[in-house]
Amino acid sequence: MTALRLPLALESGLALPKGARVAVFAPRVGASLSALRDAPVHVITTTKPDYDYFAGLGYACNTAPEGRYGASVVCIPRAKELARALIAQAASVTDGPVIVDGLKTDGIESVLKSCRKAADGVAGPINKAHGKLFWMDPAPDLSAWMTPGQTEIEGGFVTAPGVFSADAVDGASQALMAELPETIGGHLIDLGAGWGYLSAMALSREKISQIDLVEADHTALDCARRNVADVRARFHWDDALRWRPEALADIVLMNPPFHSGRTADPKLGQAFIRAAAGMLKPAGHLWMVANRHLAYESVLSEAFGELREVAGDNRFKVLHARRPSRARR
């Protein structure tokens, strides 16, 4: 949420109930909530870096609403279905206005059109800084937009709106698992585990003693708890770039993200590679998959003593690196 649009809305007819709690859904790291400084603010986010950021600023934080609110602000995510579900959730726990804010690149125009069709009295929008803000007062009934939460996809896995590869198993992850040796064992880490596909498939190897699933999205990790019903699994809601294992691992598996918002950012995958190297024993192995166009080989060669491409096509490449050169406890 930008600090520019909400003050303009407050000057243009939006009224916040005095003294009432205000829920802010899904704000991102760096967003300013200064326009709400006169209200008790409750940040609701399922993303660990965002949660830690706002908790560090002194805001009350949780992964789900608690009780009723006098007003709500929804910072829309890219996923349209998730954006609608968040707005419906906000409306269901709010007695006053529901405020919706977002960038044009995140689909705020489409969300505004949908709200105008579903609810009366949509006010605004405020156009500023490549985004829009509008509000509905009082909160409308948007129960038709509520999602069932976790849903089952092919293969018997459960996912949820907004998580990576929510509709089907990701092809790159399938390519990685097709190359993972049946003989691997020991302590594994699934870095950026998502809803748990890699771990669920890897645990068919009997020699695996433990697997740590590290995932920053609380919603995805809740799905993983259902998809990976194995006593060898440990679940960690944390930032994959900051988390460290209690003991160095034998293997890291990963299909790292490479987007920040809508922008491709190879530096994110490179940071995953460096983080993985720091989690492994001196003779440890990294098994990863990446889109063909992503040039990770130079970073892998810096972080590991050996590197080879195991398999690939014009879409994906499966990479195996071993002997991390920068392992740290």
C-alpha atoms as a PDB file:
ATOM      1  CA  MET A   1       0.000   0.000   0.000  1.00  0.00           C
ATOM      2  CA  THR A   2       1.348   3.441  -0.881  1.00  0.00           C
ATOM      3  CA  ALA A   3       1.246   6.162   1.743  1.00  0.00           C
ATOM      4  CA  LEU A   4       0.083   8.553  -0.973  1.00  0.00           C
ATOM      5  CA  ARG A   5      -3.332   7.158  -1.955  1.00  0.00           C
ATOM      6  CA  LEU A   6      -4.933   6.638   1.468  1.00  0.00           C
ATOM      7  CA  PRO A   7      -4.459  10.235   2.686  1.00  0.00           C
ATOM      8  CA  LEU A   8      -6.053  11.468  -0.543  1.00  0.00           C
ATOM      9  CA  ALA A   9      -8.987   9.112   0.035  1.00  0.00           C
ATOM     10  CA  LEU A  10      -9.409  10.448   3.582  1.00  0.00           C
ATOM     11  CA  GLU A  11      -9.614  13.934   2.080  1.00  0.00           C
ATOM     12  CA  SER A  12     -12.164  12.746  -0.501  1.00  0.00           C
ATOM     13  CA  GLY A  13     -14.910  11.331   1.724  1.00  0.00           C
ATOM     14  CA  LEU A  14     -13.490   8.131   3.185  1.00  0.00           C
ATOM     15  CA  ALA A  15     -14.102   8.102   6.951  1.00  0.00           C
ATOM     16  CA  LEU A  16     -12.466   5.702   9.398  1.00  0.00           C
ATOM     17  CA  PRO A  17     -14.344   4.940  12.653  1.00  0.00           C
ATOM     18  CA  LYS A  18     -12.533   6.729  15.463  1.00  0.00           C
ATOM     19  CA  GLY A  19     -10.720   4.436  17.858  1.00  0.00           C
ATOM     20  CA  ALA A  20     -11.744   1.273  16.014  1.00  0.00           C
ATOM     21  CA  ARG A  21      -9.268  -1.420  15.029  1.00  0.00           C
ATOM     22  CA  VAL A  22      -8.169  -1.416  11.401  1.00  0.00           C
ATOM     23  CA  ALA A  23      -7.112  -4.669   9.729  1.00  0.00           C
ATOM     24  CA  VAL A  24      -4.530  -4.450   6.945  1.00  0.00           C
ATOM     25  CA  PHE A  25      -4.507  -7.556   4.757  1.00  0.00           C
ATOM     26  CA  ALA A  26      -1.360  -8.648   2.895  1.00  0.00           C
ATOM     27  CA  PRO A  27       0.839  -5.531   3.038  1.00  0.00           C
ATOM     28  CA  ARG A  28       4.311  -6.048   1.614  1.00  0.00           C
ATOM     29  CA  VAL A  29       7.715  -5.274   3.063  1.00  0.00           C
ATOM     30  CA  GLY A  30       8.374  -1.548   2.782  1.00  0.00           C
ATOM     31  CA  ALA A  31       4.725  -0.487   2.630  1.00  0.00           C
ATOM     32  CA  SER A  32       3.930   2.521   4.789  1.00  0.00           C
ATOM     33  CA  LEU A  33       0.954   2.356   7.151  1.00  0.00           C
ATOM     34  CA  SER A  34       1.617   5.858   8.465  1.00  0.00           C
ATOM     35  CA  ALA A  35      -1.779   7.140   7.275  1.00  0.00           C
ATOM     36  CA  LEU A  36      -3.342   4.813   9.886  1.00  0.00           C
ATOM     37  CA  ARG A  37      -1.213   6.086  12.781  1.00  0.00           C
ATOM     38  CA  ASP A  38      -4.284   7.234  14.767  1.00  0.00           C
ATOM     39  CA  ALA A  39      -5.880   3.757  14.719  1.00  0.00           C
ATOM     40  CA  PRO A  40      -4.963   0.440  16.352  1.00  0.00           C
ATOM     41  CA  VAL A  41      -3.628  -1.491  13.347  1.00  0.00           C
ATOM     42  CA  HIS A  42      -3.717  -5.287  13.003  1.00  0.00           C
ATOM     43  CA  VAL A  43      -1.585  -6.645  10.133  1.00  0.00           C
ATOM     44  CA  ILE A  44      -2.809  -9.912   8.618  1.00  0.00           C
ATOM     45  CA  THR A  45      -0.321 -11.701   6.382  1.00  0.00           C
ATOM     46  CA  THR A  46       0.695 -15.285   5.651  1.00  0.00           C
ATOM     47  CA  THR A  47       4.139 -14.360   4.290  1.00  0.00           C
ATOM     48  CA  LYS A  48       6.930 -14.644   6.851  1.00  0.00           C
ATOM     49  CA  PRO A  49       9.177 -11.782   5.629  1.00  0.00           C
ATOM     50  CA  ASP A  50       6.171  -9.416   5.598  1.00  0.00           C
ATOM     51  CA  TYR A  51       5.048 -10.662   9.017  1.00  0.00           C
ATOM     52  CA  ASP A  52       8.505 -10.118  10.514  1.00  0.00           C
ATOM     53  CA  TYR A  53       8.852  -6.686   8.914  1.00  0.00           C
ATOM     54  CA  PHE A  54       5.621  -5.277  10.346  1.00  0.00           C
ATOM     55  CA  ALA A  55       6.047  -7.020  13.699  1.00  0.00           C
ATOM     56  CA  GLY A  56       9.465  -5.395  13.872  1.00  0.00           C
ATOM     57  CA  LEU A  57       7.805  -2.015  13.436  1.00  0.00           C
ATOM     58  CA  GLY A  58       5.596  -2.750  16.437  1.00  0.00           C
ATOM     59  CA  TYR A  59       2.350  -3.675  14.692  1.00  0.00           C
ATOM     60  CA  ALA A  60       0.150  -6.482  15.971  1.00  0.00           C
ATOM     61  CA  CYS A  61       0.430  -9.300  13.415  1.00  0.00           C
ATOM     62  CA  ASN A  62      -1.312 -12.580  12.736  1.00  0.00           C
ATOM     63  CA  THR A  63      -1.920 -14.977   9.866  1.00  0.00           C
ATOM     64  CA  ALA A  64      -5.727 -14.692  10.139  1.00  0.00           C
ATOM     65  CA  PRO A  65      -8.298 -12.151  11.372  1.00  0.00           C
ATOM     66  CA  GLU A  66      -9.157 -12.016  15.064  1.00  0.00           C
ATOM     67  CA  GLY A  67     -12.609 -10.703  15.906  1.00  0.00           C
ATOM     68  CA  ARG A  68     -14.291  -7.702  14.286  1.00  0.00           C
ATOM     69  CA  TYR A  69     -12.747  -4.561  12.800  1.00  0.00           C
ATOM     70  CA  GLY A  70     -14.020  -1.034  12.282  1.00  0.00           C
ATOM     71  CA  ALA A  71     -12.322  -0.864   8.879  1.00  0.00           C
ATOM     72  CA  SER A  72     -10.101  -3.011   6.686  1.00  0.00           C
ATOM     73  CA  VAL A  73      -7.485  -2.307   4.041  1.00  0.00           C
ATOM     74  CA  VAL A  74      -6.726  -4.986   1.450  1.00  0.00           C
ATOM     75  CA  CYS A  75      -3.407  -4.724  -0.425  1.00  0.00           C
ATOM     76  CA  ILE A  76      -4.167  -6.901  -3.423  1.00  0.00           C
ATOM     77  CA  PRO A  77      -1.772  -9.665  -4.496  1.00  0.00           C
ATOM     78  CA  ARG A  78      -1.131 -10.607  -8.125  1.00  0.00           C
ATOM     79  CA  ALA A  79      -3.315 -13.731  -8.037  1.00  0.00           C
ATOM     80  CA  LYS A  80      -6.825 -12.587  -8.933  1.00  0.00           C
ATOM     81  CA  GLU A  81      -8.629 -15.411  -7.149  1.00  0.00           C
ATOM     82  CA  LEU A  82      -6.635 -14.756  -3.984  1.00  0.00           C
ATOM     83  CA  ALA A  83      -7.313 -11.003  -4.232  1.00  0.00           C
ATOM     84  CA  ARG A  84     -11.058 -11.628  -4.402  1.00  0.00           C
ATOM     85  CA  ALA A  85     -10.875 -14.074  -1.479  1.00  0.00           C
ATOM     86  CA  LEU A  86      -8.980 -11.556   0.660  1.00  0.00           C
ATOM     87  CA  ILE A  87     -11.532  -8.829  -0.085  1.00  0.00           C
ATOM     88  CA  ALA A  88     -14.370 -11.225   0.801  1.00  0.00           C
ATOM     89  CA  GLN A  89     -12.600 -12.225   4.009  1.00  0.00           C
ATOM     90  CA  ALA A  90     -12.079  -8.589   4.942  1.00  0.00           C
ATOM     91  CA  ALA A  91     -15.737  -7.796   4.270  1.00  0.00           C
ATOM     92  CA  SER A  92     -16.851 -10.691   6.475  1.00  0.00           C
ATOM     93  CA  VAL A  93     -15.053  -9.321   9.563  1.00  0.00           C
ATOM     94  CA  THR A  94     -15.498  -5.576   9.033  1.00  0.00           C
ATOM     95  CA  ASP A  95     -18.319  -3.354  10.279  1.00  0.00           C
ATOM     96  CA  GLY A  96     -17.228  -0.204   8.440  1.00  0.00           C
ATOM     97  CA  PRO A  97     -15.418   0.477   5.161  1.00  0.00           C
ATOM     98  CA  VAL A  98     -13.404  -2.066   3.221  1.00  0.00           C
ATOM     99  CA  ILE A  99     -10.589  -0.252   1.421  1.00  0.00           C
ATOM    100  CA  VAL A 100      -8.883  -1.905  -1.551  1.00  0.00           C
ATOM    101  CA  ASP A 101      -5.493  -0.740  -2.766  1.00  0.00           C
ATOM    102  CA  GLY A 102      -3.106  -1.967  -5.428  1.00  0.00           C
ATOM    103  CA  LEU A 103      -0.877  -1.301  -8.389  1.00  0.00           C
ATOM    104  CA  LYS A 104      -2.050  -1.445 -11.980  1.00  0.00           C
ATOM    105  CA  THR A 105       0.549  -4.147 -12.639  1.00  0.00           C
ATOM    106  CA  ASP A 106      -1.060  -6.288  -9.925  1.00  0.00           C
ATOM    107  CA  GLY A 107      -4.509  -6.115 -11.533  1.00  0.00           C
ATOM    108  CA  ILE A 108      -6.243  -3.402  -9.511  1.00  0.00           C
ATOM    109  CA  GLU A 109      -8.285  -2.319 -12.568  1.00  0.00           C
ATOM    110  CA  SER A 110      -9.790  -5.784 -12.915  1.00  0.00           C
ATOM    111  CA  VAL A 111     -10.481  -6.010  -9.179  1.00  0.00           C
ATOM    112  CA  LEU A 112     -12.250  -2.626  -9.252  1.00  0.00           C
ATOM    113  CA  LYS A 113     -14.490  -3.772 -12.098  1.00  0.00           C
ATOM    114  CA  SER A 114     -15.347  -6.967 -10.230  1.00  0.00           C
ATOM    115  CA  CYS A 115     -16.219  -5.050  -7.056  1.00  0.00           C
ATOM    116  CA  ARG A 116     -18.460  -2.649  -8.956  1.00  0.00           C
ATOM    117  CA  LYS A 117     -20.388  -5.612 -10.353  1.00  0.00           C
ATOM    118  CA  ALA A 118     -20.675  -7.380  -6.996  1.00  0.00           C
ATOM    119  CA  ALA A 119     -21.375  -4.498  -4.603  1.00  0.00           C
ATOM    120  CA  ASP A 120     -23.246  -1.212  -4.447  1.00  0.00           C
ATOM    121  CA  GLY A 121     -21.658   2.039  -3.371  1.00  0.00           C
ATOM    122  CA  VAL A 122     -18.076   1.559  -4.548  1.00  0.00           C
ATOM    123  CA  ALA A 123     -16.407   4.928  -3.939  1.00  0.00           C
ATOM    124  CA  GLY A 124     -13.312   6.411  -5.537  1.00  0.00           C
ATOM    125  CA  PRO A 125     -11.044   5.476  -7.089  1.00  0.00           C
ATOM    126  CA  ILE A 126      -8.029   7.475  -6.043  1.00  0.00           C
ATOM    127  CA  ASN A 127      -5.435   7.316  -8.830  1.00  0.00           C
ATOM    128  CA  LYS A 128      -1.858   7.925  -7.778  1.00  0.00           C
ATOM    129  CA  ALA A 129       1.631   6.473  -8.196  1.00  0.00           C
ATOM    130  CA  HIS A 130       0.707   3.831 -10.797  1.00  0.00           C
ATOM    131  CA  GLY A 131      -2.081   2.442  -8.629  1.00  0.00           C
ATOM    132  CA  LYS A 132      -5.649   2.865  -7.452  1.00  0.00           C
ATOM    133  CA  LEU A 133      -7.483   2.850  -4.146  1.00  0.00           C
ATOM    134  CA  PHE A 134     -11.244   2.518  -3.708  1.00  0.00           C
ATOM    135  CA  TRP A 135     -13.575   1.651  -0.859  1.00  0.00           C
ATOM    136  CA  MET A 136     -16.950   0.099  -0.024  1.00  0.00           C
ATOM    137  CA  ASP A 137     -18.800   1.479   3.006  1.00  0.00           C
ATOM    138  CA  PRO A 138     -20.324  -0.339   4.743  1.00  0.00           C
ATOM    139  CA  ALA A 139     -18.651  -3.658   4.039  1.00  0.00           C
ATOM    140  CA  PRO A 140     -20.693  -5.536   1.410  1.00  0.00           C
ATOM    141  CA  ASP A 141     -21.705  -9.179   1.402  1.00  0.00           C
ATOM    142  CA  LEU A 142     -19.102 -10.847  -0.791  1.00  0.00           C
ATOM    143  CA  SER A 143     -19.568 -14.357   0.537  1.00  0.00           C
ATOM    144  CA  ALA A 144     -19.823 -15.631  -3.046  1.00  0.00           C
ATOM    145  CA  TRP A 145     -16.135 -14.774  -3.436  1.00  0.00           C
ATOM    146  CA  MET A 146     -15.025 -16.840  -0.460  1.00  0.00           C
ATOM    147  CA  THR A 147     -12.879 -19.793  -1.468  1.00  0.00           C
ATOM    148  CA  PRO A 148     -13.125 -23.252   0.091  1.00  0.00           C
ATOM    149  CA  GLY A 149      -9.528 -22.953   1.289  1.00  0.00           C
ATOM    150  CA  GLN A 150      -7.588 -26.082   0.457  1.00  0.00           C
ATOM    151  CA  THR A 151      -8.667 -27.948  -2.673  1.00  0.00           C
ATOM    152  CA  GLU A 152      -7.528 -31.257  -4.151  1.00  0.00           C
ATOM    153  CA  ILE A 153      -5.745 -31.466  -7.492  1.00  0.00           C
ATOM    154  CA  GLU A 154      -4.695 -34.396  -9.666  1.00  0.00           C
ATOM    155  CA  GLY A 155      -2.492 -36.806  -7.744  1.00  0.00           C
ATOM    156  CA  GLY A 156      -4.406 -36.340  -4.510  1.00  0.00           C
ATOM    157  CA  PHE A 157      -2.433 -33.273  -3.423  1.00  0.00           C
ATOM    158  CA  VAL A 158      -4.111 -30.316  -1.735  1.00  0.00           C
ATOM    159  CA  THR A 159      -3.304 -26.709  -2.650  1.00  0.00           C
ATOM    160  CA  ALA A 160      -4.882 -23.307  -2.020  1.00  0.00           C
ATOM    161  CA  PRO A 161      -5.518 -20.126  -4.047  1.00  0.00           C
ATOM    162  CA  GLY A 162      -2.452 -17.964  -4.463  1.00  0.00           C
ATOM    163  CA  VAL A 163       0.194 -20.608  -3.752  1.00  0.00           C
ATOM    164  CA  PHE A 164       2.691 -21.515  -6.447  1.00  0.00           C
ATOM    165  CA  SER A 165       1.373 -24.142  -8.882  1.00  0.00           C
ATOM    166  CA  ALA A 166      -2.060 -24.224  -7.246  1.00  0.00           C
ATOM    167  CA  ASP A 167      -3.844 -25.913 -10.157  1.00  0.00           C
ATOM    168  CA  ALA A 168      -1.420 -28.703 -11.056  1.00  0.00           C
ATOM    169  CA  VAL A 169       2.003 -30.113 -10.263  1.00  0.00           C
ATOM    170  CA  ASP A 170       4.687 -27.855 -11.703  1.00  0.00           C
ATOM    171  CA  GLY A 171       6.468 -29.338 -14.708  1.00  0.00           C
ATOM    172  CA  ALA A 172       9.901 -28.224 -13.550  1.00  0.00           C
ATOM    173  CA  SER A 173       9.445 -29.968 -10.198  1.00  0.00           C
ATOM    174  CA  GLN A 174       8.406 -33.133 -12.017  1.00  0.00           C
ATOM    175  CA  ALA A 175      11.571 -32.898 -14.134  1.00  0.00           C
ATOM    176  CA  LEU A 176      13.713 -32.643 -11.008  1.00  0.00           C
ATOM    177  CA  MET A 177      12.095 -35.627  -9.313  1.00  0.00           C
ATOM    178  CA  ALA A 178      12.536 -37.738 -12.448  1.00  0.00           C
ATOM    179  CA  GLU A 179      16.315 -37.341 -12.045  1.00  0.00           C
ATOM    180  CA  LEU A 180      16.671 -37.628  -8.270  1.00  0.00           C
ATOM    181  CA  PRO A 181      18.492 -40.918  -7.530  1.00  0.00           C
ATOM    182  CA  GLU A 182      16.544 -43.587  -5.669  1.00  0.00           C
ATOM    183  CA  THR A 183      19.634 -44.254  -3.542  1.00  0.00           C
ATOM    184  CA  ILE A 184      19.857 -40.867  -1.850  1.00  0.00           C
ATOM    185  CA  GLY A 185      19.493 -40.705   1.905  1.00  0.00           C
ATOM    186  CA  GLY A 186      20.350 -38.872   5.088  1.00  0.00           C
ATOM    187  CA  HIS A 187      19.165 -35.408   6.069  1.00  0.00           C
ATOM    188  CA  LEU A 188      17.451 -33.415   3.299  1.00  0.00           C
ATOM    189  CA  ILE A 189      16.228 -29.824   3.089  1.00  0.00           C
ATOM    190  CA  ASP A 190      13.430 -28.785   0.735  1.00  0.00           C
ATOM    191  CA  LEU A 191      14.191 -25.081   0.327  1.00  0.00           C
ATOM    192  CA  GLY A 192      11.136 -23.065  -0.677  1.00  0.00           C
ATOM    193  CA  ALA A 193       8.993 -26.170  -0.263  1.00  0.00           C
ATOM    194  CA  GLY A 194       5.676 -24.707  -1.419  1.00  0.00           C
ATOM    195  CA  TRP A 195       2.830 -27.149  -0.884  1.00  0.00           C
ATOM    196  CA  GLY A 196       5.258 -30.033  -0.531  1.00  0.00           C
ATOM    197  CA  TYR A 197       5.482 -31.854  -3.862  1.00  0.00           C
ATOM    198  CA  LEU A 198       9.271 -32.346  -3.839  1.00  0.00           C
ATOM    199  CA  SER A 199       9.259 -33.614  -0.262  1.00  0.00           C
ATOM    200  CA  ALA A 200       6.285 -35.905  -0.799  1.00  0.00           C
ATOM    201  CA  MET A 201       7.995 -37.567  -3.744  1.00  0.00           C
ATOM    202  CA  ALA A 202      11.486 -37.635  -2.204  1.00  0.00           C
ATOM    203  CA  LEU A 203      10.264 -39.444   0.897  1.00  0.00           C
ATOM    204  CA  SER A 204       9.670 -42.569  -1.148  1.00  0.00           C
ATOM    205  CA  ARG A 205      13.422 -43.070  -0.625  1.00  0.00           C
ATOM    206  CA  GLU A 206      13.756 -45.235   2.465  1.00  0.00           C
ATOM    207  CA  LYS A 207      17.269 -44.033   3.297  1.00  0.00           C
ATOM    208  CA  ILE A 208      16.103 -40.487   3.993  1.00  0.00           C
ATOM    209  CA  SER A 209      16.225 -39.967   7.762  1.00  0.00           C
ATOM    210  CA  GLN A 210      14.802 -36.428   7.933  1.00  0.00           C
ATOM    211  CA  ILE A 211      13.541 -33.735   5.591  1.00  0.00           C
ATOM    212  CA  ASP A 212      13.114 -30.082   6.558  1.00  0.00           C
ATOM    213  CA  LEU A 213      10.473 -28.217   4.562  1.00  0.00           C
ATOM    214  CA  VAL A 214      11.242 -24.481   4.612  1.00  0.00           C
ATOM    215  CA  GLU A 215       8.525 -22.215   3.216  1.00  0.00           C
ATOM    216  CA  ALA A 216       7.742 -18.516   3.725  1.00  0.00           C
ATOM    217  CA  ASP A 217       4.048 -18.795   2.783  1.00  0.00           C
ATOM    218  CA  HIS A 218       1.997 -19.998   5.748  1.00  0.00           C
ATOM    219  CA  THR A 219      -0.866 -21.065   3.474  1.00  0.00           C
ATOM    220  CA  ALA A 220       1.401 -23.208   1.307  1.00  0.00           C
ATOM    221  CA  LEU A 221       3.022 -24.766   4.366  1.00  0.00           C
ATOM    222  CA  ASP A 222      -0.391 -25.704   5.770  1.00  0.00           C
ATOM    223  CA  CYS A 223      -1.020 -27.577   2.511  1.00  0.00           C
ATOM    224  CA  ALA A 224       2.391 -29.255   2.805  1.00  0.00           C
ATOM    225  CA  ARG A 225       1.489 -30.571   6.258  1.00  0.00           C
ATOM    226  CA  ARG A 226      -1.338 -32.525   4.614  1.00  0.00           C
ATOM    227  CA  ASN A 227       0.609 -33.562   1.527  1.00  0.00           C
ATOM    228  CA  VAL A 228       3.649 -34.803   3.444  1.00  0.00           C
ATOM    229  CA  ALA A 229       2.214 -37.072   6.121  1.00  0.00           C
ATOM    230  CA  ASP A 230       5.508 -38.635   7.169  1.00  0.00           C
ATOM    231  CA  VAL A 231       7.151 -38.689  10.596  1.00  0.00           C
ATOM    232  CA  ARG A 232      10.489 -37.823   8.987  1.00  0.00           C
ATOM    233  CA  ALA A 233       9.199 -34.417   7.878  1.00  0.00           C
ATOM    234  CA  ARG A 234       9.814 -31.168   9.794  1.00  0.00           C
ATOM    235  CA  PHE A 235       7.962 -27.998   8.815  1.00  0.00           C
ATOM    236  CA  HIS A 236       9.421 -24.494   9.117  1.00  0.00           C
ATOM    237  CA  TRP A 237       7.507 -21.280   8.401  1.00  0.00           C
ATOM    238  CA  ASP A 238      10.485 -19.071   7.604  1.00  0.00           C
ATOM    239  CA  ASP A 239      12.347 -17.101   4.971  1.00  0.00           C
ATOM    240  CA  ALA A 240      14.444 -19.591   3.009  1.00  0.00           C
ATOM    241  CA  LEU A 241      17.247 -17.037   2.742  1.00  0.00           C
ATOM    242  CA  ARG A 242      17.506 -16.597   6.517  1.00  0.00           C
ATOM    243  CA  TRP A 243      16.631 -20.012   7.952  1.00  0.00           C
ATOM    244  CA  ARG A 244      19.462 -22.249   9.098  1.00  0.00           C
ATOM    245  CA  PRO A 245      19.267 -25.945  10.086  1.00  0.00           C
ATOM    246  CA  GLU A 246      20.283 -27.140  13.526  1.00  0.00           C
ATOM    247  CA  ALA A 247      22.740 -29.481  11.818  1.00  0.00           C
ATOM    248  CA  LEU A 248      24.211 -29.259   8.318  1.00  0.00           C
ATOM    249  CA  ALA A 249      22.367 -31.398   5.781  1.00  0.00           C
ATOM    250  CA  ASP A 250      23.411 -33.984   3.233  1.00  0.00           C
ATOM    251  CA  ILE A 251      21.174 -32.737   0.407  1.00  0.00           C
ATOM    252  CA  VAL A 252      19.208 -29.629  -0.547  1.00  0.00           C
ATOM    253  CA  LEU A 253      16.369 -29.914  -3.061  1.00  0.00           C
ATOM    254  CA  MET A 254      14.876 -26.825  -4.630  1.00  0.00           C
ATOM    255  CA  ASN A 255      12.907 -25.290  -7.460  1.00  0.00           C
ATOM    256  CA  PRO A 256      13.710 -21.695  -6.511  1.00  0.00           C
ATOM    257  CA  PRO A 257      11.488 -18.737  -7.362  1.00  0.00           C
ATOM    258  CA  PHE A 258      12.788 -16.203  -9.847  1.00  0.00           C
ATOM    259  CA  HIS A 259      10.103 -13.526  -9.810  1.00  0.00           C
ATOM    260  CA  SER A 260       9.675 -10.525  -7.535  1.00  0.00           C
ATOM    261  CA  GLY A 261       6.107  -9.420  -8.224  1.00  0.00           C
ATOM    262  CA  ARG A 262       5.718  -9.459 -12.003  1.00  0.00           C
ATOM    263  CA  THR A 263       9.407  -8.804 -12.625  1.00  0.00           C
ATOM    264  CA  ALA A 264      11.828 -11.625 -13.384  1.00  0.00           C
ATOM    265  CA  ASP A 265      14.650 -11.382 -10.847  1.00  0.00           C
ATOM    266  CA  PRO A 266      17.404 -14.002 -11.282  1.00  0.00           C
ATOM    267  CA  LYS A 267      19.104 -12.601  -8.172  1.00  0.00           C
ATOM    268  CA  LEU A 268      16.444 -14.327  -6.076  1.00  0.00           C
ATOM    269  CA  GLY A 269      17.408 -17.759  -7.395  1.00  0.00           C
ATOM    270  CA  GLN A 270      21.087 -16.879  -6.997  1.00  0.00           C
ATOM    271  CA  ALA A 271      20.444 -16.029  -3.346  1.00  0.00           C
ATOM    272  CA  PHE A 272      18.742 -19.421  -2.891  1.00  0.00           C
ATOM    273  CA  ILE A 273      21.868 -21.113  -4.287  1.00  0.00           C
ATOM    274  CA  ARG A 274      24.154 -19.307  -1.851  1.00  0.00           C
ATOM    275  CA  ALA A 275      21.795 -20.056   1.033  1.00  0.00           C
ATOM    276  CA  ALA A 276      21.703 -23.741   0.072  1.00  0.00           C
ATOM    277  CA  ALA A 277      25.498 -23.907   0.057  1.00  0.00           C
ATOM    278  CA  GLY A 278      25.524 -22.611   3.625  1.00  0.00           C
ATOM    279  CA  MET A 279      23.169 -25.371   4.792  1.00  0.00           C
ATOM    280  CA  LEU A 280      25.181 -28.339   3.515  1.00  0.00           C
ATOM    281  CA  LYS A 281      27.910 -30.540   4.903  1.00  0.00           C
ATOM    282  CA  PRO A 282      31.341 -30.248   3.201  1.00  0.00           C
ATOM    283  CA  ALA A 283      30.463 -33.231   0.968  1.00  0.00           C
ATOM    284  CA  GLY A 284      26.823 -32.181   0.549  1.00  0.00           C
ATOM    285  CA  HIS A 285      24.769 -32.141  -2.627  1.00  0.00           C
ATOM    286  CA  LEU A 286      22.398 -29.618  -4.216  1.00  0.00           C
ATOM    287  CA  TRP A 287      19.744 -30.860  -6.624  1.00  0.00           C
ATOM    288  CA  MET A 288      17.806 -28.085  -8.310  1.00  0.00           C
ATOM    289  CA  VAL A 289      15.739 -27.301 -11.388  1.00  0.00           C
ATOM    290  CA  ALA A 290      15.553 -24.003 -13.220  1.00  0.00           C
ATOM    291  CA  ASN A 291      14.114 -22.499 -16.361  1.00  0.00           C
ATOM    292  CA  ARG A 292      16.533 -22.924 -19.256  1.00  0.00           C
ATOM    293  CA  HIS A 293      17.113 -19.179 -19.756  1.00  0.00           C
ATOM    294  CA  LEU A 294      18.262 -18.533 -16.174  1.00  0.00           C
ATOM    295  CA  ALA A 295      22.060 -18.290 -16.000  1.00  0.00           C
ATOM    296  CA  TYR A 296      22.758 -19.837 -12.611  1.00  0.00           C
ATOM    297  CA  GLU A 297      25.871 -21.771 -13.590  1.00  0.00           C
ATOM    298  CA  SER A 298      28.396 -19.070 -12.647  1.00  0.00           C
ATOM    299  CA  VAL A 299      26.949 -18.693  -9.139  1.00  0.00           C
ATOM    300  CA  LEU A 300      26.800 -22.462  -8.722  1.00  0.00           C
ATOM    301  CA  SER A 301      30.444 -22.772  -9.787  1.00  0.00           C
ATOM    302  CA  GLU A 302      31.420 -20.144  -7.209  1.00  0.00           C
ATOM    303  CA  ALA A 303      29.448 -21.809  -4.409  1.00  0.00           C
ATOM    304  CA  PHE A 304      30.262 -25.465  -5.176  1.00  0.00           C
ATOM    305  CA  GLY A 305      33.313 -27.452  -6.145  1.00  0.00           C
ATOM    306  CA  GLU A 306      31.511 -29.576  -8.763  1.00  0.00           C
ATOM    307  CA  LEU A 307      28.605 -28.855 -11.105  1.00  0.00           C
ATOM    308  CA  ARG A 308      26.892 -30.756 -13.884  1.00  0.00           C
ATOM    309  CA  GLU A 309      23.672 -30.546 -15.829  1.00  0.00           C
ATOM    310  CA  VAL A 310      21.943 -33.879 -15.354  1.00  0.00           C
ATOM    311  CA  ALA A 311      19.035 -33.438 -17.752  1.00  0.00           C
ATOM    312  CA  GLY A 312      17.017 -30.804 -19.519  1.00  0.00           C
ATOM    313  CA  ASP A 313      15.122 -29.621 -22.558  1.00  0.00           C
ATOM    314  CA  ASN A 314      14.298 -26.250 -24.099  1.00  0.00           C
ATOM    315  CA  ARG A 315      12.219 -25.353 -21.001  1.00  0.00           C
ATOM    316  CA  PHE A 316      14.057 -26.679 -17.940  1.00  0.00           C
ATOM    317  CA  LYS A 317      17.453 -27.854 -16.768  1.00  0.00           C
ATOM    318  CA  VAL A 318      18.164 -30.140 -13.810  1.00  0.00           C
ATOM    319  CA  LEU A 319      21.429 -29.249 -12.087  1.00  0.00           C
ATOM    320  CA  HIS A 320      23.475 -31.222  -9.568  1.00  0.00           C
ATOM    321  CA  ALA A 321      26.186 -29.493  -7.543  1.00  0.00           C
ATOM    322  CA  ARG A 322      28.307 -30.901  -4.730  1.00  0.00           C
ATOM    323  CA  ARG A 323      31.030 -29.968  -2.252  1.00  0.00           C
ATOM    324  CA  PRO A 324      29.901 -26.482  -1.172  1.00  0.00           C
ATOM    325  CA  SER A 325      32.803 -24.075  -0.926  1.00  0.00           C
ATOM    326  CA  ARG A 326      31.081 -21.626   1.404  1.00  0.00           C
ATOM    327  CA  ALA A 327      29.241 -23.888   3.867  1.00  0.00           C
ATOM    328  CA  ARG A 328      28.535 -22.200   7.206  1.00  0.00           C
ATOM    329  CA  ARG A 329      26.846 -23.342  10.401  1.00  0.00           C
END
